[in-house]
Amino acid sequence: MGIVPAVKLARVSLPLSPGDTIILMSDGIYDSGRRSWVGRYLTSLIDDEIESGRQYGPRQLADRILGEAIRQYRGRTADDATVAVVRLR
């Protein structure tokens, strides 16, 4: 955001509850490979949690998302690739 002069911000409010997970990622994650991979990949992680009966921790989720972004870029990212995952208690 800091290098783009015409960024327009939008405020979004959502109700959050204990157990909710917030995933923040830089454009280096989102823009890696095909953009459509992010939603499909997150859905597959959720499905895996449901099927296995276990929940990934925030670090595990961030590592998996970053790993998939690097795979989408075929081993190298073209931009910074940052993922932050927070689970509310």
PDB file of N, CA and C in Angstrom:
ATOM      1  N   MET A   1       0.811  -1.192   0.000  1.00  0.00           N
ATOM      2  CA  MET A   1       0.000   0.000   0.000  1.00  0.00           C
ATOM      3  C   MET A   1       0.855   1.256   0.000  1.00  0.00           C
ATOM      4  N   GLY A   2       1.995   1.194   0.649  1.00  0.00           N
ATOM      5  CA  GLY A   2       2.805   2.385   0.797  1.00  0.00           C
ATOM      6  C   GLY A   2       3.396   2.916  -0.492  1.00  0.00           C
ATOM      7  N   ILE A   3       3.544   2.078  -1.516  1.00  0.00           N
ATOM      8  CA  ILE A   3       4.166   2.562  -2.747  1.00  0.00           C
ATOM      9  C   ILE A   3       3.150   2.894  -3.826  1.00  0.00           C
ATOM     10  N   VAL A   4       1.887   2.630  -3.580  1.00  0.00           N
ATOM     11  CA  VAL A   4       0.842   2.914  -4.567  1.00  0.00           C
ATOM     12  C   VAL A   4       0.101   4.172  -4.114  1.00  0.00           C
ATOM     13  N   PRO A   5       0.205   5.270  -4.890  1.00  0.00           N
ATOM     14  CA  PRO A   5      -0.362   6.541  -4.434  1.00  0.00           C
ATOM     15  C   PRO A   5      -1.893   6.593  -4.426  1.00  0.00           C
ATOM     16  N   ALA A   6      -2.567   5.802  -5.226  1.00  0.00           N
ATOM     17  CA  ALA A   6      -4.018   5.940  -5.359  1.00  0.00           C
ATOM     18  C   ALA A   6      -4.791   4.787  -4.716  1.00  0.00           C
ATOM     19  N   VAL A   7      -4.314   4.287  -3.592  1.00  0.00           N
ATOM     20  CA  VAL A   7      -5.012   3.197  -2.917  1.00  0.00           C
ATOM     21  C   VAL A   7      -6.252   3.745  -2.228  1.00  0.00           C
ATOM     22  N   LYS A   8      -7.381   3.100  -2.488  1.00  0.00           N
ATOM     23  CA  LYS A   8      -8.624   3.477  -1.827  1.00  0.00           C
ATOM     24  C   LYS A   8      -8.937   2.397  -0.797  1.00  0.00           C
ATOM     25  N   LEU A   9      -9.123   2.827   0.423  1.00  0.00           N
ATOM     26  CA  LEU A   9      -9.415   1.888   1.498  1.00  0.00           C
ATOM     27  C   LEU A   9     -10.910   1.797   1.728  1.00  0.00           C
ATOM     28  N   ALA A  10     -11.346   0.623   2.088  1.00  0.00           N
ATOM     29  CA  ALA A  10     -12.746   0.416   2.438  1.00  0.00           C
ATOM     30  C   ALA A  10     -12.796  -0.196   3.827  1.00  0.00           C
ATOM     31  N   ARG A  11     -13.697   0.282   4.620  1.00  0.00           N
ATOM     32  CA  ARG A  11     -13.846  -0.259   5.971  1.00  0.00           C
ATOM     33  C   ARG A  11     -14.901  -1.355   5.925  1.00  0.00           C
ATOM     34  N   VAL A  12     -14.555  -2.489   6.508  1.00  0.00           N
ATOM     35  CA  VAL A  12     -15.469  -3.623   6.548  1.00  0.00           C
ATOM     36  C   VAL A  12     -15.581  -4.080   7.995  1.00  0.00           C
ATOM     37  N   SER A  13     -16.788  -4.252   8.466  1.00  0.00           N
ATOM     38  CA  SER A  13     -17.016  -4.743   9.823  1.00  0.00           C
ATOM     39  C   SER A  13     -17.729  -6.087   9.741  1.00  0.00           C
ATOM     40  N   LEU A  14     -17.180  -7.049  10.459  1.00  0.00           N
ATOM     41  CA  LEU A  14     -17.781  -8.377  10.507  1.00  0.00           C
ATOM     42  C   LEU A  14     -17.851  -8.817  11.966  1.00  0.00           C
ATOM     43  N   PRO A  15     -18.926  -9.493  12.338  1.00  0.00           N
ATOM     44  CA  PRO A  15     -18.963 -10.017  13.698  1.00  0.00           C
ATOM     45  C   PRO A  15     -18.011 -11.208  13.816  1.00  0.00           C
ATOM     46  N   LEU A  16     -17.203 -11.231  14.856  1.00  0.00           N
ATOM     47  CA  LEU A  16     -16.256 -12.321  15.076  1.00  0.00           C
ATOM     48  C   LEU A  16     -16.550 -12.988  16.405  1.00  0.00           C
ATOM     49  N   SER A  17     -16.266 -14.276  16.455  1.00  0.00           N
ATOM     50  CA  SER A  17     -16.527 -15.068  17.660  1.00  0.00           C
ATOM     51  C   SER A  17     -15.299 -15.876  18.021  1.00  0.00           C
ATOM     52  N   PRO A  18     -15.214 -16.325  19.266  1.00  0.00           N
ATOM     53  CA  PRO A  18     -14.108 -17.208  19.639  1.00  0.00           C
ATOM     54  C   PRO A  18     -14.052 -18.414  18.703  1.00  0.00           C
ATOM     55  N   GLY A  19     -12.830 -18.757  18.286  1.00  0.00           N
ATOM     56  CA  GLY A  19     -12.644 -19.866  17.350  1.00  0.00           C
ATOM     57  C   GLY A  19     -12.544 -19.427  15.899  1.00  0.00           C
ATOM     58  N   ASP A  20     -12.979 -18.201  15.593  1.00  0.00           N
ATOM     59  CA  ASP A  20     -12.859 -17.699  14.220  1.00  0.00           C
ATOM     60  C   ASP A  20     -11.392 -17.505  13.867  1.00  0.00           C
ATOM     61  N   THR A  21     -11.089 -17.673  12.596  1.00  0.00           N
ATOM     62  CA  THR A  21      -9.721 -17.527  12.104  1.00  0.00           C
ATOM     63  C   THR A  21      -9.674 -16.382  11.106  1.00  0.00           C
ATOM     64  N   ILE A  22      -8.693 -15.518  11.269  1.00  0.00           N
ATOM     65  CA  ILE A  22      -8.467 -14.398  10.353  1.00  0.00           C
ATOM     66  C   ILE A  22      -7.159 -14.666   9.626  1.00  0.00           C
ATOM     67  N   ILE A  23      -7.211 -14.617   8.288  1.00  0.00           N
ATOM     68  CA  ILE A  23      -6.018 -14.841   7.474  1.00  0.00           C
ATOM     69  C   ILE A  23      -5.737 -13.567   6.691  1.00  0.00           C
ATOM     70  N   LEU A  24      -4.553 -13.002   6.898  1.00  0.00           N
ATOM     71  CA  LEU A  24      -4.111 -11.818   6.164  1.00  0.00           C
ATOM     72  C   LEU A  24      -2.965 -12.243   5.272  1.00  0.00           C
ATOM     73  N   MET A  25      -2.981 -11.799   4.024  1.00  0.00           N
ATOM     74  CA  MET A  25      -1.895 -12.152   3.121  1.00  0.00           C
ATOM     75  C   MET A  25      -1.550 -10.984   2.213  1.00  0.00           C
ATOM     76  N   SER A  26      -0.287 -10.902   1.869  1.00  0.00           N
ATOM     77  CA  SER A  26       0.163  -9.851   0.962  1.00  0.00           C
ATOM     78  C   SER A  26      -0.206 -10.221  -0.466  1.00  0.00           C
ATOM     79  N   ASP A  27      -0.106  -9.241  -1.338  1.00  0.00           N
ATOM     80  CA  ASP A  27      -0.413  -9.506  -2.748  1.00  0.00           C
ATOM     81  C   ASP A  27       0.559 -10.506  -3.357  1.00  0.00           C
ATOM     82  N   GLY A  28       1.722 -10.672  -2.757  1.00  0.00           N
ATOM     83  CA  GLY A  28       2.666 -11.675  -3.241  1.00  0.00           C
ATOM     84  C   GLY A  28       2.129 -13.084  -3.079  1.00  0.00           C
ATOM     85  N   ILE A  29       1.239 -13.287  -2.127  1.00  0.00           N
ATOM     86  CA  ILE A  29       0.562 -14.575  -1.980  1.00  0.00           C
ATOM     87  C   ILE A  29      -0.590 -14.644  -2.966  1.00  0.00           C
ATOM     88  N   TYR A  30      -1.435 -13.648  -2.919  1.00  0.00           N
ATOM     89  CA  TYR A  30      -2.654 -13.653  -3.725  1.00  0.00           C
ATOM     90  C   TYR A  30      -2.374 -13.670  -5.225  1.00  0.00           C
ATOM     91  N   ASP A  31      -1.344 -12.977  -5.647  1.00  0.00           N
ATOM     92  CA  ASP A  31      -1.036 -12.874  -7.076  1.00  0.00           C
ATOM     93  C   ASP A  31      -0.132 -13.980  -7.595  1.00  0.00           C
ATOM     94  N   SER A  32       0.245 -14.916  -6.732  1.00  0.00           N
ATOM     95  CA  SER A  32       1.130 -15.991  -7.196  1.00  0.00           C
ATOM     96  C   SER A  32       0.337 -16.969  -8.056  1.00  0.00           C
ATOM     97  N   GLY A  33       0.852 -17.259  -9.207  1.00  0.00           N
ATOM     98  CA  GLY A  33       0.179 -18.216 -10.091  1.00  0.00           C
ATOM     99  C   GLY A  33      -1.172 -17.702 -10.528  1.00  0.00           C
ATOM    100  N   ARG A  34      -2.133 -18.587 -10.534  1.00  0.00           N
ATOM    101  CA  ARG A  34      -3.509 -18.236 -10.903  1.00  0.00           C
ATOM    102  C   ARG A  34      -4.221 -17.717  -9.667  1.00  0.00           C
ATOM    103  N   ARG A  35      -4.885 -16.601  -9.766  1.00  0.00           N
ATOM    104  CA  ARG A  35      -5.555 -16.013  -8.612  1.00  0.00           C
ATOM    105  C   ARG A  35      -6.595 -16.945  -8.003  1.00  0.00           C
ATOM    106  N   SER A  36      -7.202 -17.757  -8.805  1.00  0.00           N
ATOM    107  CA  SER A  36      -8.281 -18.605  -8.305  1.00  0.00           C
ATOM    108  C   SER A  36      -7.798 -19.691  -7.353  1.00  0.00           C
ATOM    109  N   TRP A  37      -6.505 -19.898  -7.242  1.00  0.00           N
ATOM    110  CA  TRP A  37      -6.012 -20.972  -6.381  1.00  0.00           C
ATOM    111  C   TRP A  37      -6.265 -20.702  -4.914  1.00  0.00           C
ATOM    112  N   VAL A  38      -6.273 -19.442  -4.494  1.00  0.00           N
ATOM    113  CA  VAL A  38      -6.349 -19.118  -3.069  1.00  0.00           C
ATOM    114  C   VAL A  38      -7.649 -19.631  -2.451  1.00  0.00           C
ATOM    115  N   GLY A  39      -8.772 -19.299  -3.028  1.00  0.00           N
ATOM    116  CA  GLY A  39     -10.058 -19.737  -2.490  1.00  0.00           C
ATOM    117  C   GLY A  39     -10.187 -21.247  -2.478  1.00  0.00           C
ATOM    118  N   ARG A  40      -9.764 -21.879  -3.566  1.00  0.00           N
ATOM    119  CA  ARG A  40      -9.833 -23.345  -3.636  1.00  0.00           C
ATOM    120  C   ARG A  40      -8.924 -23.983  -2.592  1.00  0.00           C
ATOM    121  N   TYR A  41      -7.744 -23.419  -2.413  1.00  0.00           N
ATOM    122  CA  TYR A  41      -6.805 -23.992  -1.450  1.00  0.00           C
ATOM    123  C   TYR A  41      -7.318 -23.843  -0.022  1.00  0.00           C
ATOM    124  N   LEU A  42      -7.838 -22.675   0.329  1.00  0.00           N
ATOM    125  CA  LEU A  42      -8.376 -22.481   1.676  1.00  0.00           C
ATOM    126  C   LEU A  42      -9.552 -23.418   1.925  1.00  0.00           C
ATOM    127  N   THR A  43     -10.399 -23.605   0.926  1.00  0.00           N
ATOM    128  CA  THR A  43     -11.520 -24.538   1.047  1.00  0.00           C
ATOM    129  C   THR A  43     -11.012 -25.952   1.285  1.00  0.00           C
ATOM    130  N   SER A  44      -9.939 -26.339   0.586  1.00  0.00           N
ATOM    131  CA  SER A  44      -9.398 -27.691   0.772  1.00  0.00           C
ATOM    132  C   SER A  44      -8.820 -27.861   2.174  1.00  0.00           C
ATOM    133  N   LEU A  45      -8.216 -26.810   2.735  1.00  0.00           N
ATOM    134  CA  LEU A  45      -7.704 -26.889   4.101  1.00  0.00           C
ATOM    135  C   LEU A  45      -8.847 -27.068   5.101  1.00  0.00           C
ATOM    136  N   ILE A  46      -9.939 -26.338   4.902  1.00  0.00           N
ATOM    137  CA  ILE A  46     -11.102 -26.464   5.783  1.00  0.00           C
ATOM    138  C   ILE A  46     -11.692 -27.866   5.665  1.00  0.00           C
ATOM    139  N   ASP A  47     -11.840 -28.352   4.437  1.00  0.00           N
ATOM    140  CA  ASP A  47     -12.368 -29.705   4.230  1.00  0.00           C
ATOM    141  C   ASP A  47     -11.485 -30.741   4.906  1.00  0.00           C
ATOM    142  N   ASP A  48     -10.167 -30.559   4.822  1.00  0.00           N
ATOM    143  CA  ASP A  48      -9.237 -31.488   5.449  1.00  0.00           C
ATOM    144  C   ASP A  48      -9.407 -31.479   6.968  1.00  0.00           C
ATOM    145  N   GLU A  49      -9.594 -30.296   7.543  1.00  0.00           N
ATOM    146  CA  GLU A  49      -9.812 -30.205   8.990  1.00  0.00           C
ATOM    147  C   GLU A  49     -11.091 -30.948   9.390  1.00  0.00           C
ATOM    148  N   ILE A  50     -12.151 -30.773   8.621  1.00  0.00           N
ATOM    149  CA  ILE A  50     -13.429 -31.425   8.926  1.00  0.00           C
ATOM    150  C   ILE A  50     -13.299 -32.938   8.812  1.00  0.00           C
ATOM    151  N   GLU A  51     -12.693 -33.400   7.728  1.00  0.00           N
ATOM    152  CA  GLU A  51     -12.555 -34.842   7.498  1.00  0.00           C
ATOM    153  C   GLU A  51     -11.646 -35.511   8.522  1.00  0.00           C
ATOM    154  N   SER A  52     -10.564 -34.830   8.908  1.00  0.00           N
ATOM    155  CA  SER A  52      -9.606 -35.438   9.826  1.00  0.00           C
ATOM    156  C   SER A  52     -10.009 -35.269  11.291  1.00  0.00           C
ATOM    157  N   GLY A  53     -10.904 -34.313  11.562  1.00  0.00           N
ATOM    158  CA  GLY A  53     -11.328 -34.064  12.930  1.00  0.00           C
ATOM    159  C   GLY A  53     -10.314 -33.297  13.756  1.00  0.00           C
ATOM    160  N   ARG A  54      -9.293 -32.753  13.113  1.00  0.00           N
ATOM    161  CA  ARG A  54      -8.305 -31.954  13.847  1.00  0.00           C
ATOM    162  C   ARG A  54      -8.236 -30.558  13.243  1.00  0.00           C
ATOM    163  N   GLN A  55      -7.758 -29.640  14.027  1.00  0.00           N
ATOM    164  CA  GLN A  55      -7.692 -28.256  13.568  1.00  0.00           C
ATOM    165  C   GLN A  55      -6.233 -27.836  13.454  1.00  0.00           C
ATOM    166  N   TYR A  56      -5.876 -27.270  12.305  1.00  0.00           N
ATOM    167  CA  TYR A  56      -4.527 -26.745  12.141  1.00  0.00           C
ATOM    168  C   TYR A  56      -4.360 -25.531  13.033  1.00  0.00           C
ATOM    169  N   GLY A  57      -3.162 -25.361  13.577  1.00  0.00           N
ATOM    170  CA  GLY A  57      -2.859 -24.165  14.337  1.00  0.00           C
ATOM    171  C   GLY A  57      -2.554 -23.013  13.392  1.00  0.00           C
ATOM    172  N   PRO A  58      -2.554 -21.783  13.899  1.00  0.00           N
ATOM    173  CA  PRO A  58      -2.269 -20.626  13.047  1.00  0.00           C
ATOM    174  C   PRO A  58      -0.939 -20.745  12.298  1.00  0.00           C
ATOM    175  N   ARG A  59       0.109 -21.215  12.965  1.00  0.00           N
ATOM    176  CA  ARG A  59       1.412 -21.354  12.298  1.00  0.00           C
ATOM    177  C   ARG A  59       1.337 -22.390  11.183  1.00  0.00           C
ATOM    178  N   GLN A  60       0.666 -23.511  11.438  1.00  0.00           N
ATOM    179  CA  GLN A  60       0.525 -24.549  10.409  1.00  0.00           C
ATOM    180  C   GLN A  60      -0.222 -24.014   9.198  1.00  0.00           C
ATOM    181  N   LEU A  61      -1.296 -23.263   9.430  1.00  0.00           N
ATOM    182  CA  LEU A  61      -2.051 -22.697   8.314  1.00  0.00           C
ATOM    183  C   LEU A  61      -1.191 -21.731   7.505  1.00  0.00           C
ATOM    184  N   ALA A  62      -0.479 -20.839   8.203  1.00  0.00           N
ATOM    185  CA  ALA A  62       0.376 -19.876   7.506  1.00  0.00           C
ATOM    186  C   ALA A  62       1.448 -20.597   6.695  1.00  0.00           C
ATOM    187  N   ASP A  63       2.072 -21.622   7.286  1.00  0.00           N
ATOM    188  CA  ASP A  63       3.108 -22.376   6.574  1.00  0.00           C
ATOM    189  C   ASP A  63       2.548 -23.070   5.340  1.00  0.00           C
ATOM    190  N   ARG A  64       1.358 -23.642   5.462  1.00  0.00           N
ATOM    191  CA  ARG A  64       0.750 -24.337   4.321  1.00  0.00           C
ATOM    192  C   ARG A  64       0.398 -23.357   3.195  1.00  0.00           C
ATOM    193  N   ILE A  65      -0.164 -22.209   3.566  1.00  0.00           N
ATOM    194  CA  ILE A  65      -0.528 -21.210   2.554  1.00  0.00           C
ATOM    195  C   ILE A  65       0.722 -20.682   1.860  1.00  0.00           C
ATOM    196  N   LEU A  66       1.752 -20.353   2.626  1.00  0.00           N
ATOM    197  CA  LEU A  66       3.004 -19.871   2.039  1.00  0.00           C
ATOM    198  C   LEU A  66       3.615 -20.936   1.136  1.00  0.00           C
ATOM    199  N   GLY A  67       3.626 -22.176   1.597  1.00  0.00           N
ATOM    200  CA  GLY A  67       4.171 -23.267   0.785  1.00  0.00           C
ATOM    201  C   GLY A  67       3.436 -23.430  -0.530  1.00  0.00           C
ATOM    202  N   GLU A  68       2.128 -23.313  -0.490  1.00  0.00           N
ATOM    203  CA  GLU A  68       1.346 -23.439  -1.726  1.00  0.00           C
ATOM    204  C   GLU A  68       1.604 -22.261  -2.661  1.00  0.00           C
ATOM    205  N   ALA A  69       1.762 -21.058  -2.102  1.00  0.00           N
ATOM    206  CA  ALA A  69       2.067 -19.887  -2.941  1.00  0.00           C
ATOM    207  C   ALA A  69       3.403 -20.087  -3.647  1.00  0.00           C
ATOM    208  N   ILE A  70       4.388 -20.585  -2.928  1.00  0.00           N
ATOM    209  CA  ILE A  70       5.702 -20.836  -3.533  1.00  0.00           C
ATOM    210  C   ILE A  70       5.578 -21.902  -4.620  1.00  0.00           C
ATOM    211  N   ARG A  71       4.765 -22.924  -4.364  1.00  0.00           N
ATOM    212  CA  ARG A  71       4.540 -23.954  -5.386  1.00  0.00           C
ATOM    213  C   ARG A  71       3.864 -23.346  -6.620  1.00  0.00           C
ATOM    214  N   GLN A  72       2.910 -22.442  -6.397  1.00  0.00           N
ATOM    215  CA  GLN A  72       2.221 -21.778  -7.506  1.00  0.00           C
ATOM    216  C   GLN A  72       3.203 -20.954  -8.344  1.00  0.00           C
ATOM    217  N   TYR A  73       4.201 -20.389  -7.686  1.00  0.00           N
ATOM    218  CA  TYR A  73       5.230 -19.596  -8.369  1.00  0.00           C
ATOM    219  C   TYR A  73       6.351 -20.477  -8.925  1.00  0.00           C
ATOM    220  N   ARG A  74       6.178 -21.772  -8.801  1.00  0.00           N
ATOM    221  CA  ARG A  74       7.168 -22.754  -9.261  1.00  0.00           C
ATOM    222  C   ARG A  74       8.507 -22.581  -8.532  1.00  0.00           C
ATOM    223  N   GLY A  75       8.420 -22.419  -7.218  1.00  0.00           N
ATOM    224  CA  GLY A  75       9.616 -22.399  -6.391  1.00  0.00           C
ATOM    225  C   GLY A  75      10.161 -21.034  -6.035  1.00  0.00           C
ATOM    226  N   ARG A  76       9.705 -19.981  -6.687  1.00  0.00           N
ATOM    227  CA  ARG A  76      10.213 -18.640  -6.393  1.00  0.00           C
ATOM    228  C   ARG A  76       9.065 -17.651  -6.418  1.00  0.00           C
ATOM    229  N   THR A  77       9.047 -16.763  -5.468  1.00  0.00           N
ATOM    230  CA  THR A  77       8.027 -15.725  -5.484  1.00  0.00           C
ATOM    231  C   THR A  77       8.572 -14.507  -6.218  1.00  0.00           C
ATOM    232  N   ALA A  78       7.697 -13.806  -6.909  1.00  0.00           N
ATOM    233  CA  ALA A  78       8.105 -12.613  -7.652  1.00  0.00           C
ATOM    234  C   ALA A  78       8.002 -11.365  -6.795  1.00  0.00           C
ATOM    235  N   ASP A  79       7.375 -11.479  -5.648  1.00  0.00           N
ATOM    236  CA  ASP A  79       7.135 -10.338  -4.773  1.00  0.00           C
ATOM    237  C   ASP A  79       7.238 -10.850  -3.333  1.00  0.00           C
ATOM    238  N   ASP A  80       7.181  -9.933  -2.382  1.00  0.00           N
ATOM    239  CA  ASP A  80       7.172 -10.398  -0.996  1.00  0.00           C
ATOM    240  C   ASP A  80       5.945 -11.278  -0.794  1.00  0.00           C
ATOM    241  N   ALA A  81       6.088 -12.297   0.016  1.00  0.00           N
ATOM    242  CA  ALA A  81       4.999 -13.231   0.268  1.00  0.00           C
ATOM    243  C   ALA A  81       4.843 -13.373   1.779  1.00  0.00           C
ATOM    244  N   THR A  82       3.826 -12.723   2.313  1.00  0.00           N
ATOM    245  CA  THR A  82       3.610 -12.703   3.749  1.00  0.00           C
ATOM    246  C   THR A  82       2.226 -13.232   4.081  1.00  0.00           C
ATOM    247  N   VAL A  83       2.158 -14.093   5.094  1.00  0.00           N
ATOM    248  CA  VAL A  83       0.877 -14.617   5.575  1.00  0.00           C
ATOM    249  C   VAL A  83       0.854 -14.464   7.091  1.00  0.00           C
ATOM    250  N   ALA A  84      -0.243 -13.950   7.612  1.00  0.00           N
ATOM    251  CA  ALA A  84      -0.457 -13.871   9.059  1.00  0.00           C
ATOM    252  C   ALA A  84      -1.796 -14.525   9.363  1.00  0.00           C
ATOM    253  N   VAL A  85      -1.809 -15.426  10.333  1.00  0.00           N
ATOM    254  CA  VAL A  85      -3.019 -16.125  10.702  1.00  0.00           C
ATOM    255  C   VAL A  85      -3.271 -15.906  12.190  1.00  0.00           C
ATOM    256  N   VAL A  86      -4.487 -15.502  12.524  1.00  0.00           N
ATOM    257  CA  VAL A  86      -4.870 -15.254  13.906  1.00  0.00           C
ATOM    258  C   VAL A  86      -6.143 -16.046  14.192  1.00  0.00           C
ATOM    259  N   ARG A  87      -6.135 -16.801  15.278  1.00  0.00           N
ATOM    260  CA  ARG A  87      -7.347 -17.508  15.706  1.00  0.00           C
ATOM    261  C   ARG A  87      -7.799 -16.879  17.015  1.00  0.00           C
ATOM    262  N   LEU A  88      -9.045 -16.446  17.046  1.00  0.00           N
ATOM    263  CA  LEU A  88      -9.580 -15.783  18.237  1.00  0.00           C
ATOM    264  C   LEU A  88      -9.906 -16.795  19.324  1.00  0.00           C
ATOM    265  N   ARG A  89      -9.631 -16.410  20.548  1.00  0.00           N
ATOM    266  CA  ARG A  89      -9.954 -17.272  21.702  1.00  0.00           C
ATOM    267  C   ARG A  89     -11.131 -16.745  22.449  1.00  0.00           C
TER     268      ARG A  89
END
